[in-house]
Amino acid sequence: MIPLSNACRPAAGEDEKWPNLAPVLSTGTIDWDLIRQQYDQFVKYTTALRLGTAEAEQVLRSFTRGVPEHSTYRAIEELGRGVRTAVICDCLADADLRREINDGLQVEENWNSAHHDLFYGKGGALAGSDKESRKVSMLALHLLQSALAHVNTLLLQGILSEEK
């Protein structure tokens, strides 16, 4: 099911404009001014990531340095709230989109349950106390996942090649 309770109010004091959305809107509002103020920083970080002049870890580390929360990081969170609200509104307005999302979520849940069946050791937790052991366990899981996807592809090709 699509989490509809995380939509934010686009602006304070305008609830009468969307009375039907009241049950899914949280009490918070989106800080559009902060997003506008940080737009140039968005472009700077995005360009650096796209050109490869900065690694994602470096950018995230710069956001966590210092005691007060980084203003660009807060603006990115606000932009995320706005995007999440727009997606939720799209879902509420489009039954086909809701079905498509739920079908995708079902596929993902099935894939996750297959992971649990494949990776049974220690209740699905990565085994080993050191980083190298956990890395080997993860690589083994990826190999099993790839093998499962390959077998599924071969089975599907066999079914599709039959005339009936």
Foldseek 3Di string as FASTA:
>chain_A
DDQQQLAEAQDPPPCVVPVVSVVRYDDHHQDVVLLVVCVVVVVVVVVCPVVVVDPPVVVVVVQPPDDDGDSNVVSVVSVVSVVSNVVSVVCVVDVVVVVVVVVVVVVVVVLVVVLQVVQVPPSNDQDDDDPVSSVVSVVVSVVVSVVVVVVVVVVVVVVVVDPD
